[in-house]
Each structure stands twice: as structure tokens, then as C-alpha cells.
Amino acid sequence: LFEKLMVDMQDWPENLPVSFNLSARDIVLSDTVEWLIDEIKKHRIDPGRLTFEVTETAFLRDFEAARTSIRYLRDHGARIALDDFGIGYSSLRYVHELEFDVLKVDRSFVAPLSHNERSRRIVKTVIDMCQNLGIDCVLEGIENDSQRDVIITLGGRLMQGYFFARPVREVKLDALA
């Protein structure tokens, strides 16, 4: 799948960033991470266009191996996102000890925003924390204009969800770029 992505990215606009999910198994295997970088180099893709998304599950499996892999990917120019932030056991530890470029706040915090003050305060705190740390904060699961408006009011600027677009097949991607 990743090799196909590399081939496809050669034909896409150079300013089009791409995110790619890594499994807990992928991120702790140094051979896999080295292969990813080799593929990026082989296809002459700017690694800065790529964000590798990982979930906390990866760190529960083998924290040190995951940390080493994240450092390796970042040292080669790729960005790293912690996906589904807020639903695991030790999210703040990971934010503190690892160098993420992006925190993707889980949709479970976004869904109740329009009617739950506590949810708004939590999301505002995460947005502020990310701004203070120089980390991009992406709010996941935006499904309506009310959620979008609340997030904007809270200071959020990066959002993802069906409100903006549903997943698209690669043939339709050029129209969006």
C-alpha cells in the first residue's frame, strides 16, 4: 500500500500533503520504518509532505522502540501525528516525552461540543496546550456547522470530518487538489 502511495504521489501536486496510518506493529519494527524512508527516497518524494499517524496503542506495545522509530522518521523530515488523542491511558506522557508535530483530538470530544460545557473546556485546553507547544491540533469528527463554529470560537483552526468531505477515491483527488 505504501509503495503504491509513493508512485501515486509522484503524479500529485507537490503541495499536497498526505497522511498515512502506521499500525502499532509497524512503528515498533525498525526494519519497517527504515523501509518507509527508503521508499520515500527511492521515489524522490519530499518527506515533509508525509505525516505518519500513530495511536497510543503503539506505545503500550514497546515505548522505547516507538520513540526510536518516531525520532528516525522525524530526523528524515517526515511529520508524526498522535491520532485519537485523549482516549488512551497516558496521552500527556506521550506528548511530554515524544516529539509530535500533530495531535489529532478524538471525535468523542467533538461530538458533544454544542451542548456540553465540560467538553468545550477540555477541547479549549488541548488547543491551548498545542499552541503553547508548537504542535498542530486537528479536531476530528466534525459533522456540522455548529461543531465547526464552536471549534473556531475556541481557537481551533485545523479540522477533519464529513462536514468538509467524505473519503474520496483517488480518481477524484485531482479535483480537490
C-alpha atoms as a PDB file:
ATOM      1  CA  LEU A   1       0.000   0.000   0.000  1.00  0.00           C
ATOM      2  CA  PHE A   2       2.769   2.447   0.902  1.00  0.00           C
ATOM      3  CA  GLU A   3       4.716   1.714  -2.267  1.00  0.00           C
ATOM      4  CA  LYS A   4       1.581   2.449  -4.339  1.00  0.00           C
ATOM      5  CA  LEU A   5       1.168   5.700  -2.428  1.00  0.00           C
ATOM      6  CA  MET A   6       4.732   6.683  -3.303  1.00  0.00           C
ATOM      7  CA  VAL A   7       4.089   6.030  -7.004  1.00  0.00           C
ATOM      8  CA  ASP A   8       0.816   7.993  -6.890  1.00  0.00           C
ATOM      9  CA  MET A   9       2.384  10.920  -5.030  1.00  0.00           C
ATOM     10  CA  GLN A  10       4.829  11.402  -7.887  1.00  0.00           C
ATOM     11  CA  ASP A  11       1.851  12.451 -10.056  1.00  0.00           C
ATOM     12  CA  TRP A  12       0.091  14.587  -7.460  1.00  0.00           C
ATOM     13  CA  PRO A  13       0.720  18.300  -6.885  1.00  0.00           C
ATOM     14  CA  GLU A  14       3.870  18.842  -4.825  1.00  0.00           C
ATOM     15  CA  ASN A  15       1.994  20.996  -2.320  1.00  0.00           C
ATOM     16  CA  LEU A  16      -0.458  18.194  -1.478  1.00  0.00           C
ATOM     17  CA  PRO A  17       0.307  16.764   1.983  1.00  0.00           C
ATOM     18  CA  VAL A  18      -0.561  13.138   2.712  1.00  0.00           C
ATOM     19  CA  SER A  19      -1.184  11.289   5.965  1.00  0.00           C
ATOM     20  CA  PHE A  20      -0.508   7.588   6.330  1.00  0.00           C
ATOM     21  CA  ASN A  21      -1.569   5.428   9.277  1.00  0.00           C
ATOM     22  CA  LEU A  22       1.051   3.213  10.872  1.00  0.00           C
ATOM     23  CA  SER A  23      -0.046   0.266  12.961  1.00  0.00           C
ATOM     24  CA  ALA A  24       1.313  -0.402  16.432  1.00  0.00           C
ATOM     25  CA  ARG A  25       3.313  -3.228  14.884  1.00  0.00           C
ATOM     26  CA  ASP A  26       4.751  -1.018  12.114  1.00  0.00           C
ATOM     27  CA  ILE A  27       6.047   1.700  14.421  1.00  0.00           C
ATOM     28  CA  VAL A  28       7.981  -0.660  16.682  1.00  0.00           C
ATOM     29  CA  LEU A  29       9.745  -2.538  13.876  1.00  0.00           C
ATOM     30  CA  SER A  30      12.905  -0.706  12.864  1.00  0.00           C
ATOM     31  CA  ASP A  31      13.081  -2.631   9.571  1.00  0.00           C
ATOM     32  CA  THR A  32       9.640  -1.334   8.596  1.00  0.00           C
ATOM     33  CA  VAL A  33      10.469   2.262   9.471  1.00  0.00           C
ATOM     34  CA  GLU A  34      13.758   2.096   7.575  1.00  0.00           C
ATOM     35  CA  TRP A  35      11.906   0.623   4.585  1.00  0.00           C
ATOM     36  CA  LEU A  36       9.443   3.541   4.646  1.00  0.00           C
ATOM     37  CA  ILE A  37      12.293   6.049   4.440  1.00  0.00           C
ATOM     38  CA  ASP A  38      13.993   4.019   1.705  1.00  0.00           C
ATOM     39  CA  GLU A  39      10.766   4.091  -0.333  1.00  0.00           C
ATOM     40  CA  ILE A  40      10.429   7.854   0.142  1.00  0.00           C
ATOM     41  CA  LYS A  41      13.992   8.334  -1.100  1.00  0.00           C
ATOM     42  CA  LYS A  42      13.628   5.855  -3.954  1.00  0.00           C
ATOM     43  CA  HIS A  43      10.564   7.679  -5.307  1.00  0.00           C
ATOM     44  CA  ARG A  44      12.071  11.119  -4.657  1.00  0.00           C
ATOM     45  CA  ILE A  45       9.163  12.275  -2.515  1.00  0.00           C
ATOM     46  CA  ASP A  46       9.684  15.229  -0.193  1.00  0.00           C
ATOM     47  CA  PRO A  47       9.320  13.602   3.263  1.00  0.00           C
ATOM     48  CA  GLY A  48       7.865  16.866   4.577  1.00  0.00           C
ATOM     49  CA  ARG A  49       4.713  16.083   2.580  1.00  0.00           C
ATOM     50  CA  LEU A  50       4.130  12.984   4.700  1.00  0.00           C
ATOM     51  CA  THR A  51       2.584  12.746   8.129  1.00  0.00           C
ATOM     52  CA  PHE A  52       2.678   9.333   9.749  1.00  0.00           C
ATOM     53  CA  GLU A  53      -0.257   8.827  12.114  1.00  0.00           C
ATOM     54  CA  VAL A  54       0.158   6.562  15.135  1.00  0.00           C
ATOM     55  CA  THR A  55      -2.153   5.742  18.022  1.00  0.00           C
ATOM     56  CA  GLU A  56      -1.257   5.266  21.658  1.00  0.00           C
ATOM     57  CA  THR A  57      -1.514   1.508  21.211  1.00  0.00           C
ATOM     58  CA  ALA A  58       1.928   1.628  19.609  1.00  0.00           C
ATOM     59  CA  PHE A  59       3.464   2.998  22.791  1.00  0.00           C
ATOM     60  CA  LEU A  60       1.793   0.439  25.003  1.00  0.00           C
ATOM     61  CA  ARG A  61       3.417  -2.275  22.909  1.00  0.00           C
ATOM     62  CA  ASP A  62       7.028  -1.039  23.139  1.00  0.00           C
ATOM     63  CA  PHE A  63       7.581   2.575  24.185  1.00  0.00           C
ATOM     64  CA  GLU A  64      11.331   2.714  23.529  1.00  0.00           C
ATOM     65  CA  ALA A  65      11.095   1.137  20.081  1.00  0.00           C
ATOM     66  CA  ALA A  66       8.258   3.505  19.152  1.00  0.00           C
ATOM     67  CA  ARG A  67      10.245   6.502  20.404  1.00  0.00           C
ATOM     68  CA  THR A  68      13.268   5.434  18.333  1.00  0.00           C
ATOM     69  CA  SER A  69      11.120   4.996  15.221  1.00  0.00           C
ATOM     70  CA  ILE A  70       9.445   8.369  15.663  1.00  0.00           C
ATOM     71  CA  ARG A  71      12.819  10.043  16.049  1.00  0.00           C
ATOM     72  CA  TYR A  72      14.111   8.262  12.922  1.00  0.00           C
ATOM     73  CA  LEU A  73      11.122   9.337  10.811  1.00  0.00           C
ATOM     74  CA  ARG A  74      11.332  12.932  12.057  1.00  0.00           C
ATOM     75  CA  ASP A  75      15.102  13.043  11.518  1.00  0.00           C
ATOM     76  CA  HIS A  76      14.405  12.184   7.884  1.00  0.00           C
ATOM     77  CA  GLY A  77      11.895  15.024   7.518  1.00  0.00           C
ATOM     78  CA  ALA A  78       8.543  13.291   7.992  1.00  0.00           C
ATOM     79  CA  ARG A  79       5.904  14.586  10.386  1.00  0.00           C
ATOM     80  CA  ILE A  80       4.345  12.490  13.149  1.00  0.00           C
ATOM     81  CA  ALA A  81       0.759  12.736  14.395  1.00  0.00           C
ATOM     82  CA  LEU A  82      -0.684  11.207  17.548  1.00  0.00           C
ATOM     83  CA  ASP A  83      -4.109  10.026  16.410  1.00  0.00           C
ATOM     84  CA  ASP A  84      -7.207   9.668  18.610  1.00  0.00           C
ATOM     85  CA  PHE A  85      -5.663  11.837  21.324  1.00  0.00           C
ATOM     86  CA  GLY A  86      -7.497  11.711  24.612  1.00  0.00           C
ATOM     87  CA  ILE A  87      -8.934   8.214  24.620  1.00  0.00           C
ATOM     88  CA  GLY A  88      -5.870   6.319  25.857  1.00  0.00           C
ATOM     89  CA  TYR A  89      -4.288   5.946  29.251  1.00  0.00           C
ATOM     90  CA  SER A  90      -1.204   8.122  29.113  1.00  0.00           C
ATOM     91  CA  SER A  91      -1.646  10.705  26.386  1.00  0.00           C
ATOM     92  CA  LEU A  92       0.055  13.523  28.284  1.00  0.00           C
ATOM     93  CA  ARG A  93       3.078  11.350  28.979  1.00  0.00           C
ATOM     94  CA  TYR A  94       3.461  10.763  25.262  1.00  0.00           C
ATOM     95  CA  VAL A  95       3.062  14.434  24.439  1.00  0.00           C
ATOM     96  CA  HIS A  96       5.669  15.233  27.073  1.00  0.00           C
ATOM     97  CA  GLU A  97       8.242  12.602  26.108  1.00  0.00           C
ATOM     98  CA  LEU A  98       7.796  12.321  22.337  1.00  0.00           C
ATOM     99  CA  GLU A  99       8.118  14.933  19.630  1.00  0.00           C
ATOM    100  CA  PHE A 100       4.809  15.002  17.813  1.00  0.00           C
ATOM    101  CA  ASP A 101       4.091  17.517  15.103  1.00  0.00           C
ATOM    102  CA  VAL A 102       0.333  16.986  15.258  1.00  0.00           C
ATOM    103  CA  LEU A 103      -2.228  15.947  17.876  1.00  0.00           C
ATOM    104  CA  LYS A 104      -5.496  14.682  16.439  1.00  0.00           C
ATOM    105  CA  VAL A 105      -8.211  15.073  19.075  1.00  0.00           C
ATOM    106  CA  ASP A 106     -10.596  12.135  19.085  1.00  0.00           C
ATOM    107  CA  ARG A 107     -14.115  12.688  17.792  1.00  0.00           C
ATOM    108  CA  SER A 108     -15.592  11.682  21.162  1.00  0.00           C
ATOM    109  CA  PHE A 109     -14.597  15.126  22.468  1.00  0.00           C
ATOM    110  CA  VAL A 110     -16.013  16.927  19.431  1.00  0.00           C
ATOM    111  CA  ALA A 111     -19.460  15.301  19.259  1.00  0.00           C
ATOM    112  CA  PRO A 112     -20.857  16.918  22.442  1.00  0.00           C
ATOM    113  CA  LEU A 113     -19.293  20.382  21.915  1.00  0.00           C
ATOM    114  CA  SER A 114     -22.510  22.206  21.078  1.00  0.00           C
ATOM    115  CA  HIS A 115     -24.273  21.171  24.290  1.00  0.00           C
ATOM    116  CA  ASN A 116     -21.565  20.268  26.815  1.00  0.00           C
ATOM    117  CA  GLU A 117     -19.564  22.992  28.558  1.00  0.00           C
ATOM    118  CA  ARG A 118     -17.106  20.489  30.023  1.00  0.00           C
ATOM    119  CA  SER A 119     -16.283  19.177  26.545  1.00  0.00           C
ATOM    120  CA  ARG A 120     -15.713  22.745  25.338  1.00  0.00           C
ATOM    121  CA  ARG A 121     -13.317  23.398  28.223  1.00  0.00           C
ATOM    122  CA  ILE A 122     -11.370  20.204  27.571  1.00  0.00           C
ATOM    123  CA  VAL A 123     -11.063  20.939  23.847  1.00  0.00           C
ATOM    124  CA  LYS A 124     -10.043  24.554  24.552  1.00  0.00           C
ATOM    125  CA  THR A 125      -7.363  23.306  26.962  1.00  0.00           C
ATOM    126  CA  VAL A 126      -5.970  20.881  24.375  1.00  0.00           C
ATOM    127  CA  ILE A 127      -5.973  23.585  21.669  1.00  0.00           C
ATOM    128  CA  ASP A 128      -4.132  25.970  24.013  1.00  0.00           C
ATOM    129  CA  MET A 129      -1.650  23.259  25.042  1.00  0.00           C
ATOM    130  CA  CYS A 130      -0.863  22.509  21.399  1.00  0.00           C
ATOM    131  CA  GLN A 131      -0.389  26.196  20.616  1.00  0.00           C
ATOM    132  CA  ASN A 132       1.949  26.557  23.605  1.00  0.00           C
ATOM    133  CA  LEU A 133       3.986  23.532  22.479  1.00  0.00           C
ATOM    134  CA  GLY A 134       4.061  24.488  18.797  1.00  0.00           C
ATOM    135  CA  ILE A 135       2.078  21.397  17.807  1.00  0.00           C
ATOM    136  CA  ASP A 136      -0.704  21.416  15.207  1.00  0.00           C
ATOM    137  CA  CYS A 137      -4.045  20.465  16.734  1.00  0.00           C
ATOM    138  CA  VAL A 138      -6.543  18.716  14.452  1.00  0.00           C
ATOM    139  CA  LEU A 139     -10.096  18.215  15.710  1.00  0.00           C
ATOM    140  CA  GLU A 140     -11.579  15.016  14.269  1.00  0.00           C
ATOM    141  CA  GLY A 141     -15.169  14.121  13.539  1.00  0.00           C
ATOM    142  CA  ILE A 142     -16.625  17.486  12.526  1.00  0.00           C
ATOM    143  CA  GLU A 143     -20.103  16.705  11.220  1.00  0.00           C
ATOM    144  CA  ASN A 144     -21.958  20.021  11.253  1.00  0.00           C
ATOM    145  CA  ASP A 145     -21.546  23.780  11.160  1.00  0.00           C
ATOM    146  CA  SER A 146     -22.338  24.087  14.876  1.00  0.00           C
ATOM    147  CA  GLN A 147     -19.305  21.979  15.811  1.00  0.00           C
ATOM    148  CA  ARG A 148     -17.143  23.893  13.341  1.00  0.00           C
ATOM    149  CA  ASP A 149     -18.275  27.234  14.748  1.00  0.00           C
ATOM    150  CA  VAL A 150     -17.631  26.204  18.365  1.00  0.00           C
ATOM    151  CA  ILE A 151     -14.132  24.996  17.460  1.00  0.00           C
ATOM    152  CA  ILE A 152     -13.350  28.269  15.699  1.00  0.00           C
ATOM    153  CA  THR A 153     -14.579  30.161  18.765  1.00  0.00           C
ATOM    154  CA  LEU A 154     -12.297  28.019  20.952  1.00  0.00           C
ATOM    155  CA  GLY A 155      -9.306  28.901  18.773  1.00  0.00           C
ATOM    156  CA  GLY A 156      -9.161  25.740  16.684  1.00  0.00           C
ATOM    157  CA  ARG A 157      -8.101  26.114  13.073  1.00  0.00           C
ATOM    158  CA  LEU A 158      -7.495  22.572  11.783  1.00  0.00           C
ATOM    159  CA  MET A 159     -10.500  20.273  11.459  1.00  0.00           C
ATOM    160  CA  GLN A 160     -11.379  16.999   9.793  1.00  0.00           C
ATOM    161  CA  GLY A 161     -14.690  15.276   9.225  1.00  0.00           C
ATOM    162  CA  TYR A 162     -17.642  14.556   6.979  1.00  0.00           C
ATOM    163  CA  PHE A 163     -18.776  18.175   7.251  1.00  0.00           C
ATOM    164  CA  PHE A 164     -15.881  19.087   4.950  1.00  0.00           C
ATOM    165  CA  ALA A 165     -15.598  15.987   2.775  1.00  0.00           C
ATOM    166  CA  ARG A 166     -16.188  12.277   2.772  1.00  0.00           C
ATOM    167  CA  PRO A 167     -13.339   9.965   1.835  1.00  0.00           C
ATOM    168  CA  VAL A 168     -12.716  10.100  -1.910  1.00  0.00           C
ATOM    169  CA  ARG A 169     -11.373   7.657  -4.424  1.00  0.00           C
ATOM    170  CA  GLU A 170      -8.003   8.506  -5.862  1.00  0.00           C
ATOM    171  CA  VAL A 171      -9.527   9.402  -9.269  1.00  0.00           C
ATOM    172  CA  LYS A 172     -11.393  12.299  -7.643  1.00  0.00           C
ATOM    173  CA  LEU A 173      -8.363  13.531  -5.738  1.00  0.00           C
ATOM    174  CA  ASP A 174      -7.062  15.721  -8.554  1.00  0.00           C
ATOM    175  CA  ALA A 175     -10.273  17.762  -8.468  1.00  0.00           C
ATOM    176  CA  LEU A 176      -9.699  18.555  -4.781  1.00  0.00           C
ATOM    177  CA  ALA A 177      -6.027  19.499  -5.092  1.00  0.00           C
END
